[in-house]
C-alpha atoms as a PDB file:
ATOM      1  CA  MET A   1     113.701 107.733 113.231  1.00  0.00           C
ATOM      2  CA  ILE A   2     110.065 106.797 113.708  1.00  0.00           C
ATOM      3  CA  ALA A   3     107.110 108.916 112.633  1.00  0.00           C
ATOM      4  CA  ARG A   4     103.628 108.756 114.120  1.00  0.00           C
ATOM      5  CA  GLU A   5     100.916 110.373 112.038  1.00  0.00           C
ATOM      6  CA  PRO A   6      97.406 109.846 113.419  1.00  0.00           C
ATOM      7  CA  LYS A   7      94.381 111.212 111.624  1.00  0.00           C
ATOM      8  CA  ILE A   8      93.030 114.349 113.284  1.00  0.00           C
ATOM      9  CA  LYS A   9      90.073 116.583 112.495  1.00  0.00           C
ATOM     10  CA  ASN A  10      90.701 119.719 114.505  1.00  0.00           C
ATOM     11  CA  PHE A  11      93.785 121.887 113.963  1.00  0.00           C
ATOM     12  CA  CYS A  12      93.062 124.166 116.900  1.00  0.00           C
ATOM     13  CA  LYS A  13      92.570 121.281 119.323  1.00  0.00           C
ATOM     14  CA  ALA A  14      96.037 120.000 118.435  1.00  0.00           C
ATOM     15  CA  LEU A  15      97.356 123.554 118.760  1.00  0.00           C
ATOM     16  CA  ASP A  16      95.917 123.741 122.291  1.00  0.00           C
ATOM     17  CA  TYR A  17      98.026 120.751 123.252  1.00  0.00           C
ATOM     18  CA  HIS A  18     101.213 122.433 122.022  1.00  0.00           C
ATOM     19  CA  ARG A  19     100.235 125.696 123.681  1.00  0.00           C
ATOM     20  CA  GLN A  20      99.925 123.866 127.018  1.00  0.00           C
ATOM     21  CA  LYS A  21     103.379 122.345 126.587  1.00  0.00           C
ATOM     22  CA  LEU A  22     104.818 125.758 125.762  1.00  0.00           C
ATOM     23  CA  GLU A  23     103.291 127.269 128.902  1.00  0.00           C
ATOM     24  CA  LEU A  24     104.836 124.471 130.983  1.00  0.00           C
ATOM     25  CA  GLY A  25     108.243 125.077 129.453  1.00  0.00           C
ATOM     26  CA  LYS A  26     108.276 121.610 127.884  1.00  0.00           C
ATOM     27  CA  ALA A  27     108.299 122.749 124.271  1.00  0.00           C
ATOM     28  CA  GLU A  28     109.573 125.444 121.963  1.00  0.00           C
ATOM     29  CA  ILE A  29     108.476 126.626 118.543  1.00  0.00           C
ATOM     30  CA  LEU A  30     111.092 126.072 115.844  1.00  0.00           C
ATOM     31  CA  GLN A  31     108.984 127.516 113.023  1.00  0.00           C
ATOM     32  CA  SER A  32     105.471 128.855 112.522  1.00  0.00           C
ATOM     33  CA  SER A  33     103.552 130.442 109.652  1.00  0.00           C
ATOM     34  CA  PHE A  34     101.106 132.125 112.057  1.00  0.00           C
ATOM     35  CA  LEU A  35     101.406 135.705 113.239  1.00  0.00           C
ATOM     36  CA  SER A  36     100.732 134.593 116.812  1.00  0.00           C
ATOM     37  CA  LEU A  37      99.381 131.655 118.827  1.00  0.00           C
ATOM     38  CA  ASP A  38      96.256 133.552 119.805  1.00  0.00           C
ATOM     39  CA  GLU A  39      93.364 131.200 119.077  1.00  0.00           C
ATOM     40  CA  ASN A  40      91.275 133.817 117.274  1.00  0.00           C
ATOM     41  CA  GLN A  41      94.248 134.845 115.148  1.00  0.00           C
ATOM     42  CA  VAL A  42      94.999 131.231 114.197  1.00  0.00           C
ATOM     43  CA  LYS A  43      91.347 130.534 113.345  1.00  0.00           C
ATOM     44  CA  ALA A  44      91.198 133.662 111.196  1.00  0.00           C
ATOM     45  CA  GLU A  45      94.283 132.634 109.230  1.00  0.00           C
ATOM     46  CA  LEU A  46      92.969 129.106 108.792  1.00  0.00           C
ATOM     47  CA  ARG A  47      89.599 130.360 107.530  1.00  0.00           C
ATOM     48  CA  MET A  48      91.410 132.223 104.771  1.00  0.00           C
ATOM     49  CA  VAL A  49      92.496 128.907 103.228  1.00  0.00           C
ATOM     50  CA  GLN A  50      90.012 126.319 104.484  1.00  0.00           C
ATOM     51  CA  TRP A  51      86.912 127.919 102.965  1.00  0.00           C
ATOM     52  CA  GLN A  52      88.150 126.578  99.629  1.00  0.00           C
ATOM     53  CA  HIS A  53      87.569 123.017 100.864  1.00  0.00           C
ATOM     54  CA  CYS A  54      84.868 123.566 103.458  1.00  0.00           C
ATOM     55  CA  TYR A  55      83.512 120.039 102.894  1.00  0.00           C
ATOM     56  CA  LEU A  56      86.752 118.464 104.104  1.00  0.00           C
ATOM     57  CA  GLU A  57      86.229 116.533 107.346  1.00  0.00           C
ATOM     58  CA  LYS A  58      89.898 116.035 108.244  1.00  0.00           C
ATOM     59  CA  ASN A  59      91.665 119.232 107.299  1.00  0.00           C
ATOM     60  CA  ALA A  60      94.787 118.926 109.446  1.00  0.00           C
ATOM     61  CA  TYR A  61      97.904 116.774 109.538  1.00  0.00           C
ATOM     62  CA  HIS A  62      99.798 116.102 112.767  1.00  0.00           C
ATOM     63  CA  ALA A  63     102.974 114.025 112.921  1.00  0.00           C
ATOM     64  CA  SER A  64     105.701 113.487 115.465  1.00  0.00           C
ATOM     65  CA  LEU A  65     109.232 112.609 114.360  1.00  0.00           C
ATOM     66  CA  ASN A  66     110.943 110.538 117.036  1.00  0.00           C
ATOM     67  CA  PHE A  67     114.694 109.969 117.300  1.00  0.00           C
ATOM     68  CA  HIS A  68     116.782 107.495 119.258  1.00  0.00           C
ATOM     69  CA  PRO A  69     117.633 108.630 122.842  1.00  0.00           C
ATOM     70  CA  SER A  70     121.363 108.411 122.077  1.00  0.00           C
ATOM     71  CA  GLU A  71     121.101 110.987 119.282  1.00  0.00           C
ATOM     72  CA  GLU A  72     121.931 114.572 120.173  1.00  0.00           C
ATOM     73  CA  ILE A  73     120.035 116.690 117.678  1.00  0.00           C
ATOM     74  CA  HIS A  74     120.344 120.461 117.946  1.00  0.00           C
ATOM     75  CA  ASN A  75     117.469 122.698 116.957  1.00  0.00           C
ATOM     76  CA  SER A  76     118.838 123.729 113.567  1.00  0.00           C
ATOM     77  CA  LYS A  77     119.257 120.119 112.471  1.00  0.00           C
ATOM     78  CA  MET A  78     115.858 119.112 113.832  1.00  0.00           C
ATOM     79  CA  LEU A  79     114.240 122.044 112.029  1.00  0.00           C
ATOM     80  CA  SER A  80     115.955 121.067 108.795  1.00  0.00           C
ATOM     81  CA  ILE A  81     114.698 117.485 109.123  1.00  0.00           C
ATOM     82  CA  ALA A  82     111.154 118.662 109.836  1.00  0.00           C
ATOM     83  CA  ARG A  83     111.226 121.059 106.888  1.00  0.00           C
ATOM     84  CA  ASP A  84     112.379 118.306 104.560  1.00  0.00           C
ATOM     85  CA  TYR A  85     109.650 116.031 105.886  1.00  0.00           C
ATOM     86  CA  MET A  86     107.041 118.724 105.200  1.00  0.00           C
ATOM     87  CA  GLN A  87     108.413 119.458 101.754  1.00  0.00           C
ATOM     88  CA  GLU A  88     108.348 115.813 100.708  1.00  0.00           C
ATOM     89  CA  PHE A  89     104.762 115.550 101.890  1.00  0.00           C
ATOM     90  CA  GLY A  90     103.787 118.744 100.090  1.00  0.00           C
ATOM     91  CA  PHE A  91     103.194 121.015 103.096  1.00  0.00           C
ATOM     92  CA  SER A  92     105.810 123.691 102.402  1.00  0.00           C
ATOM     93  CA  ALA A  93     103.260 126.340 101.340  1.00  0.00           C
ATOM     94  CA  HIS A  94     100.649 125.480 103.963  1.00  0.00           C
ATOM     95  CA  PRO A  95      99.786 127.004 107.350  1.00  0.00           C
ATOM     96  CA  HIS A  96     101.916 125.074 109.818  1.00  0.00           C
ATOM     97  CA  MET A  97     103.866 124.857 113.047  1.00  0.00           C
ATOM     98  CA  ILE A  98     107.014 122.918 113.911  1.00  0.00           C
ATOM     99  CA  VAL A  99     107.318 122.388 117.674  1.00  0.00           C
ATOM    100  CA  ARG A 100     110.052 120.589 119.570  1.00  0.00           C
ATOM    101  CA  HIS A 101     108.973 118.848 122.777  1.00  0.00           C
ATOM    102  CA  TYR A 102     110.973 117.946 125.870  1.00  0.00           C
ATOM    103  CA  ASP A 103     108.458 115.680 127.586  1.00  0.00           C
ATOM    104  CA  ALA A 104     109.954 112.284 126.715  1.00  0.00           C
ATOM    105  CA  PRO A 105     113.329 110.544 127.116  1.00  0.00           C
ATOM    106  CA  HIS A 106     113.994 110.704 123.379  1.00  0.00           C
ATOM    107  CA  PRO A 107     114.315 113.782 121.124  1.00  0.00           C
ATOM    108  CA  HIS A 108     111.192 114.455 119.084  1.00  0.00           C
ATOM    109  CA  VAL A 109     109.504 117.185 117.107  1.00  0.00           C
ATOM    110  CA  HIS A 110     105.899 117.737 116.041  1.00  0.00           C
ATOM    111  CA  VAL A 111     104.712 118.919 112.648  1.00  0.00           C
ATOM    112  CA  LEU A 112     101.210 120.396 112.595  1.00  0.00           C
ATOM    113  CA  ALA A 113      99.929 121.546 109.212  1.00  0.00           C
ATOM    114  CA  SER A 114      96.749 122.399 107.374  1.00  0.00           C
ATOM    115  CA  ARG A 115      96.063 120.031 104.488  1.00  0.00           C
ATOM    116  CA  ILE A 116      94.859 123.056 102.525  1.00  0.00           C
ATOM    117  CA  GLY A 117      97.568 125.343 101.191  1.00  0.00           C
ATOM    118  CA  PHE A 118      97.693 129.089 100.817  1.00  0.00           C
ATOM    119  CA  ASP A 119      96.944 128.638  97.111  1.00  0.00           C
ATOM    120  CA  GLY A 120      93.977 126.346  97.774  1.00  0.00           C
ATOM    121  CA  SER A 121      95.855 123.151  96.935  1.00  0.00           C
ATOM    122  CA  LEU A 122      94.987 120.045  98.929  1.00  0.00           C
ATOM    123  CA  VAL A 123      97.454 117.438 100.202  1.00  0.00           C
ATOM    124  CA  ASP A 124      96.034 113.965  99.633  1.00  0.00           C
ATOM    125  CA  ASP A 125      96.107 111.837 102.801  1.00  0.00           C
ATOM    126  CA  SER A 126      95.728 108.474 101.081  1.00  0.00           C
ATOM    127  CA  HIS A 127      98.598 106.067 101.791  1.00  0.00           C
ATOM    128  CA  ASP A 128     100.062 108.666 104.147  1.00  0.00           C
ATOM    129  CA  TYR A 129     101.543 106.030 106.477  1.00  0.00           C
ATOM    130  CA  ARG A 130     103.440 104.426 103.618  1.00  0.00           C
ATOM    131  CA  ARG A 131     104.582 107.797 102.278  1.00  0.00           C
ATOM    132  CA  SER A 132     105.717 108.868 105.739  1.00  0.00           C
ATOM    133  CA  HIS A 133     107.667 105.641 106.140  1.00  0.00           C
ATOM    134  CA  GLU A 134     109.456 106.157 102.820  1.00  0.00           C
ATOM    135  CA  ILE A 135     110.274 109.778 103.667  1.00  0.00           C
ATOM    136  CA  CYS A 136     111.696 108.769 107.055  1.00  0.00           C
ATOM    137  CA  ARG A 137     113.972 106.171 105.485  1.00  0.00           C
ATOM    138  CA  ALA A 138     115.295 108.775 103.046  1.00  0.00           C
ATOM    139  CA  LEU A 139     115.862 111.300 105.848  1.00  0.00           C
ATOM    140  CA  GLU A 140     117.732 108.707 107.889  1.00  0.00           C
ATOM    141  CA  GLU A 141     120.178 108.374 105.024  1.00  0.00           C
ATOM    142  CA  LYS A 142     120.464 112.101 104.350  1.00  0.00           C
ATOM    143  CA  TYR A 143     121.079 113.111 107.970  1.00  0.00           C
ATOM    144  CA  GLU A 144     122.894 109.918 109.037  1.00  0.00           C
ATOM    145  CA  LEU A 145     120.295 109.155 111.684  1.00  0.00           C
ATOM    146  CA  ARG A 146     120.054 105.918 113.607  1.00  0.00           C
ATOM    147  CA  LYS A 147     117.700 103.676 111.646  1.00  0.00           C
ATOM    148  CA  ALA A 148     114.528 102.336 113.170  1.00  0.00           C
ATOM    149  CA  PRO A 149     114.749  98.518 113.293  1.00  0.00           C
ATOM    150  CA  GLY A 150     112.497  96.357 111.181  1.00  0.00           C
ATOM    151  CA  LEU A 151     110.074  99.016 109.987  1.00  0.00           C
ATOM    152  CA  GLN A 152     108.547  98.212 106.621  1.00  0.00           C
ATOM    153  CA  GLN A 153     105.090  99.348 105.655  1.00  0.00           C
ATOM    154  CA  SER A 154     102.744  96.870 103.961  1.00  0.00           C
ATOM    155  CA  GLU A 155      99.216  97.530 105.133  1.00  0.00           C
ATOM    156  CA  LYS A 156     100.542  97.547 108.676  1.00  0.00           C
ATOM    157  CA  LYS A 157      99.004  99.192 111.661  1.00  0.00           C
ATOM    158  CA  GLY A 158     101.139 101.960 113.152  1.00  0.00           C
ATOM    159  CA  LEU A 159     102.937 101.704 116.468  1.00  0.00           C
ATOM    160  CA  SER A 160     101.413 102.843 119.722  1.00  0.00           C
ATOM    161  CA  ILE A 161     103.100 105.526 121.816  1.00  0.00           C
ATOM    162  CA  ALA A 162     104.474 102.888 124.201  1.00  0.00           C
ATOM    163  CA  GLU A 163     105.843 100.840 121.299  1.00  0.00           C
ATOM    164  CA  VAL A 164     107.580 103.839 119.765  1.00  0.00           C
ATOM    165  CA  GLU A 165     109.301 104.607 123.061  1.00  0.00           C
ATOM    166  CA  MET A 166     110.227 100.951 123.609  1.00  0.00           C
ATOM    167  CA  VAL A 167     111.728 100.567 120.138  1.00  0.00           C
ATOM    168  CA  LEU A 168     113.699 103.781 120.455  1.00  0.00           C
ATOM    169  CA  HIS A 169     114.950 102.788 123.911  1.00  0.00           C
ATOM    170  CA  THR A 170     115.952  99.185 123.162  1.00  0.00           C
ATOM    171  CA  GLY A 171     116.829  99.440 119.498  1.00  0.00           C
ATOM    172  CA  GLU A 172     114.899  96.206 118.977  1.00  0.00           C
ATOM    173  CA  PRO A 173     111.638  95.651 117.071  1.00  0.00           C
ATOM    174  CA  SER A 174     108.492  95.020 119.095  1.00  0.00           C
ATOM    175  CA  THR A 175     106.576  91.731 118.980  1.00  0.00           C
ATOM    176  CA  LYS A 176     104.004  93.385 116.733  1.00  0.00           C
ATOM    177  CA  MET A 177     106.690  94.534 114.325  1.00  0.00           C
ATOM    178  CA  LEU A 178     108.221  91.047 114.260  1.00  0.00           C
ATOM    179  CA  LEU A 179     104.857  89.467 113.517  1.00  0.00           C
ATOM    180  CA  GLN A 180     104.130  92.004 110.799  1.00  0.00           C
ATOM    181  CA  GLU A 181     107.477  91.214 109.201  1.00  0.00           C
ATOM    182  CA  MET A 182     107.263  87.413 109.441  1.00  0.00           C
ATOM    183  CA  VAL A 183     103.602  87.013 108.516  1.00  0.00           C
ATOM    184  CA  GLY A 184     104.036  89.516 105.698  1.00  0.00           C
ATOM    185  CA  GLU A 185     106.876  87.444 104.253  1.00  0.00           C
ATOM    186  CA  ILE A 186     104.700  84.316 104.356  1.00  0.00           C
ATOM    187  CA  LEU A 187     101.762  86.046 102.664  1.00  0.00           C
ATOM    188  CA  GLN A 188     103.975  87.236  99.820  1.00  0.00           C
ATOM    189  CA  LYS A 189     104.588  83.612  98.807  1.00  0.00           C
ATOM    190  CA  ASN A 190     100.995  83.079  97.626  1.00  0.00           C
ATOM    191  CA  LEU A 191     100.562  79.848  99.579  1.00  0.00           C
ATOM    192  CA  SER A 192      97.548  77.684 100.294  1.00  0.00           C
ATOM    193  CA  LEU A 193      96.106  77.654 103.811  1.00  0.00           C
ATOM    194  CA  GLU A 194      97.943  74.404 104.603  1.00  0.00           C
ATOM    195  CA  GLN A 195     101.246  75.885 103.444  1.00  0.00           C
ATOM    196  CA  PHE A 196     100.587  79.135 105.288  1.00  0.00           C
ATOM    197  CA  ILE A 197     100.061  77.227 108.530  1.00  0.00           C
ATOM    198  CA  ARG A 198     103.231  75.155 108.033  1.00  0.00           C
ATOM    199  CA  GLU A 199     105.293  78.294 107.400  1.00  0.00           C
ATOM    200  CA  ALA A 200     103.849  79.965 110.486  1.00  0.00           C
ATOM    201  CA  GLU A 201     104.605  76.912 112.627  1.00  0.00           C
ATOM    202  CA  ARG A 202     108.151  76.830 111.272  1.00  0.00           C
ATOM    203  CA  LYS A 203     108.594  80.405 112.498  1.00  0.00           C
ATOM    204  CA  LYS A 204     107.020  79.440 115.855  1.00  0.00           C
ATOM    205  CA  ILE A 205     103.967  81.583 115.229  1.00  0.00           C
ATOM    206  CA  TYR A 206     100.789  80.231 116.800  1.00  0.00           C
ATOM    207  CA  LEU A 207      97.478  80.755 115.011  1.00  0.00           C
ATOM    208  CA  GLN A 208      93.952  80.893 116.381  1.00  0.00           C
ATOM    209  CA  PHE A 209      91.094  80.894 113.885  1.00  0.00           C
ATOM    210  CA  ARG A 210      87.948  82.556 115.184  1.00  0.00           C
ATOM    211  CA  GLN A 211      84.779  80.758 114.034  1.00  0.00           C
ATOM    212  CA  ASP A 212      81.072  81.538 113.962  1.00  0.00           C
ATOM    213  CA  GLU A 213      78.285  79.235 115.130  1.00  0.00           C
ATOM    214  CA  PHE A 214      78.520  77.319 111.840  1.00  0.00           C
ATOM    215  CA  ARG A 215      82.280  76.825 112.330  1.00  0.00           C
ATOM    216  CA  LYS A 216      83.151  79.137 109.455  1.00  0.00           C
ATOM    217  CA  VAL A 217      86.394  81.046 110.057  1.00  0.00           C
ATOM    218  CA  THR A 218      85.698  84.747 110.546  1.00  0.00           C
ATOM    219  CA  GLY A 219      88.926  86.049 112.072  1.00  0.00           C
ATOM    220  CA  ILE A 220      92.490  85.253 113.027  1.00  0.00           C
ATOM    221  CA  THR A 221      94.771  85.876 116.003  1.00  0.00           C
ATOM    222  CA  TYR A 222      98.556  85.485 116.030  1.00  0.00           C
ATOM    223  CA  GLY A 223     100.592  84.290 119.002  1.00  0.00           C
ATOM    224  CA  TYR A 224     104.315  84.905 119.326  1.00  0.00           C
ATOM    225  CA  LYS A 225     106.722  85.146 122.262  1.00  0.00           C
ATOM    226  CA  GLY A 226     103.886  84.889 124.736  1.00  0.00           C
ATOM    227  CA  ARG A 227     101.843  87.695 123.205  1.00  0.00           C
ATOM    228  CA  LEU A 228      98.566  87.462 121.307  1.00  0.00           C
ATOM    229  CA  ILE A 229      97.659  89.994 118.626  1.00  0.00           C
ATOM    230  CA  THR A 230      94.576  89.981 116.424  1.00  0.00           C
ATOM    231  CA  GLY A 231      94.792  90.424 112.683  1.00  0.00           C
ATOM    232  CA  ARG A 232      93.226  93.824 113.118  1.00  0.00           C
ATOM    233  CA  GLY A 233      95.938  94.669 115.628  1.00  0.00           C
ATOM    234  CA  LEU A 234      98.617  94.050 112.995  1.00  0.00           C
ATOM    235  CA  GLY A 235      96.857  95.904 110.200  1.00  0.00           C
ATOM    236  CA  ASN A 236      94.520  95.487 107.249  1.00  0.00           C
ATOM    237  CA  GLY A 237      96.857  93.140 105.404  1.00  0.00           C
ATOM    238  CA  TYR A 238      96.690  90.640 108.265  1.00  0.00           C
ATOM    239  CA  LYS A 239      92.913  90.496 108.725  1.00  0.00           C
ATOM    240  CA  TRP A 240      91.248  87.211 107.833  1.00  0.00           C
ATOM    241  CA  LYS A 241      88.800  88.844 105.420  1.00  0.00           C
ATOM    242  CA  ASN A 242      91.756  90.101 103.381  1.00  0.00           C
ATOM    243  CA  MET A 243      93.551  86.716 103.488  1.00  0.00           C
ATOM    244  CA  GLU A 244      90.684  84.232 103.064  1.00  0.00           C
ATOM    245  CA  GLU A 245      90.522  84.184  99.294  1.00  0.00           C
ATOM    246  CA  LYS A 246      94.282  84.346  98.853  1.00  0.00           C
ATOM    247  CA  LEU A 247      94.757  81.278 101.086  1.00  0.00           C
ATOM    248  CA  GLN A 248      92.034  79.394  99.184  1.00  0.00           C
ATOM    249  CA  TYR A 249      90.038  78.736 102.320  1.00  0.00           C
ATOM    250  CA  ASN A 250      87.239  76.167 102.044  1.00  0.00           C
ATOM    251  CA  GLN A 251      85.155  75.618 105.162  1.00  0.00           C
ATOM    252  CA  ARG A 252      84.391  71.947 104.585  1.00  0.00           C
ATOM    253  CA  GLN A 253      87.850  71.065 103.324  1.00  0.00           C
ATOM    254  CA  HIS A 254      89.754  72.849 106.075  1.00  0.00           C
ATOM    255  CA  GLU A 255      87.522  72.262 109.107  1.00  0.00           C
ATOM    256  CA  ARG A 256      89.742  69.556 110.640  1.00  0.00           C
ATOM    257  CA  LEU A 257      92.918  71.483 109.863  1.00  0.00           C
ATOM    258  CA  VAL A 258      91.557  74.598 111.576  1.00  0.00           C
ATOM    259  CA  GLN A 259      90.487  72.520 114.571  1.00  0.00           C
ATOM    260  CA  ARG A 260      93.963  70.984 114.891  1.00  0.00           C
ATOM    261  CA  VAL A 261      95.674  74.370 114.731  1.00  0.00           C
ATOM    262  CA  ASN A 262      93.302  75.882 117.284  1.00  0.00           C
ATOM    263  CA  GLU A 263      93.852  72.982 119.685  1.00  0.00           C
ATOM    264  CA  LYS A 264      97.620  73.411 119.444  1.00  0.00           C
ATOM    265  CA  THR A 265      97.344  77.130 120.164  1.00  0.00           C
ATOM    266  CA  GLU A 266      94.987  76.507 123.082  1.00  0.00           C
ATOM    267  CA  GLN A 267      97.534  74.145 124.611  1.00  0.00           C
ATOM    268  CA  LYS A 268     100.045  77.000 124.538  1.00  0.00           C
ATOM    269  CA  PHE A 269      97.869  79.972 125.485  1.00  0.00           C
ATOM    270  CA  GLY A 270      94.611  78.499 126.730  1.00  0.00           C
ATOM    271  CA  ARG A 271      91.279  79.130 125.039  1.00  0.00           C
ATOM    272  CA  LEU A 272      91.215  82.473 123.294  1.00  0.00           C
ATOM    273  CA  GLU A 273      87.528  83.331 123.394  1.00  0.00           C
ATOM    274  CA  ARG A 274      87.407  87.000 124.236  1.00  0.00           C
ATOM    275  CA  HIS A 275      84.951  86.617 127.084  1.00  0.00           C
ATOM    276  CA  GLN A 276      87.218  84.035 128.760  1.00  0.00           C
ATOM    277  CA  GLN A 277      90.678  85.416 128.043  1.00  0.00           C
ATOM    278  CA  PRO A 278      91.489  88.644 129.936  1.00  0.00           C
ATOM    279  CA  HIS A 279      94.761  89.236 128.085  1.00  0.00           C
ATOM    280  CA  LEU A 280      93.026  89.253 124.693  1.00  0.00           C
ATOM    281  CA  LYS A 281      90.772  92.299 124.986  1.00  0.00           C
ATOM    282  CA  LYS A 282      87.883  93.097 122.739  1.00  0.00           C
ATOM    283  CA  GLU A 283      88.857  95.329 119.888  1.00  0.00           C
ATOM    284  CA  LYS A 284      86.545  98.098 121.089  1.00  0.00           C
ATOM    285  CA  GLU A 285      88.066  97.987 124.566  1.00  0.00           C
ATOM    286  CA  MET A 286      91.547  98.147 123.062  1.00  0.00           C
ATOM    287  CA  GLU A 287      90.592 101.177 120.996  1.00  0.00           C
ATOM    288  CA  GLN A 288      89.090 102.895 124.038  1.00  0.00           C
ATOM    289  CA  GLU A 289      92.224 102.195 126.054  1.00  0.00           C
ATOM    290  CA  MET A 290      94.377 103.667 123.310  1.00  0.00           C
ATOM    291  CA  GLU A 291      92.200 106.776 123.163  1.00  0.00           C
ATOM    292  CA  ILE A 292      92.589 107.230 126.918  1.00  0.00           C
ATOM    293  CA  ARG A 293      96.355 106.859 126.652  1.00  0.00           C
ATOM    294  CA  LYS A 294      96.433 109.390 123.831  1.00  0.00           C
ATOM    295  CA  ASP A 295      94.386 111.793 125.940  1.00  0.00           C
ATOM    296  CA  MET A 296      96.810 111.485 128.847  1.00  0.00           C
ATOM    297  CA  HIS A 297      99.986 111.622 126.794  1.00  0.00           C
ATOM    298  CA  MET A 298      99.161 113.753 123.807  1.00  0.00           C
ATOM    299  CA  GLY A 299      95.952 115.674 124.348  1.00  0.00           C
ATOM    300  CA  ARG A 300      94.241 113.414 121.749  1.00  0.00           C
ATOM    301  CA  SER A 301      96.465 114.687 118.976  1.00  0.00           C
ATOM    302  CA  PHE A 302      99.767 112.779 118.869  1.00  0.00           C
END
C-alpha cells in the first residue's frame, strides 16, 4: 500500500473534486461526518471548528491510500483500513470524508479531513510523510496487504502520481526509489567526499556536481539506469547543502576530484547544464509540470 499526502490549503476545493467524481459515477462515499455535500452546509460545519485556529494557513489533510491492482478489497475492508489510518493520525474526531474512487487501474481510497477537531484540537502536520509511511507499514501487516517495494522514509521526496501507478503495476521500485535507498545507505556511513564518490561508483551511480562561477560546488545530480535526478528531486536529505558539511567538502582540496567525476558523468550522459540538456529540466519547470498533471488527474488536491 502506498499513501500520497500532499499539503493542501482548501478543504472545499478538494471536496469539489470528489463531488465531480461522484456525479460522474466514478466514486462513492464510504463515510462522512457532514450532514450533506452541499457546499454551504459543509462550509458552515467547518466554520464551527476552524474559528478556533483561524490563523492556520493549511487547515486540511488529504491523502490517498493506493493498493496493488491484484488486490480485491471490498468496501467494508477499505473503510476499516481508512478508519485505522485516520485514527493513527489523530483524525477520528475531526470533520472528514472517506471516498473510494474508481478512476484508476488500482483500488484506492481518499481521506479528506480537517486538521482542527470538533473539540478544537489540532493535528500537527510536521513529519507527516514519515508518520504516514509508518502507519502504512503497520496496516500492511494488520490487513495482510501486498507490501510496497523499497519504501523507506528518510527525508525523501514523495512519489509522483505516475510513479505510484508504475510501482503498483510492476511491483518494482522506481529509479527514484532505488536512488533514495542506495544514496541513503551511503550517507549513513559518515564518509568523506572521496569515500562517498567511491561508494557511489561501486553502485554504478553517476554524480554531477553543479558549480558556480568560482567553481564552488552548489548542487548535485544523480544518474542511474539512464535517468538523471537532482538532489532536490530525491528529497531534502539528498541536497548538496545538506550533505556538504557531512562529506567534509573543501573547494580547493576537492576541485580536481570534482572535475574528474563530472567528466566521467559527462561521458555517460553528456553535459548536464540545464540550458543545454533537455532531459534535465529546471526545477521550476518540473514543479509547474507536476502542478499541471495534478490539475488534470486530481483537481489539484491528490
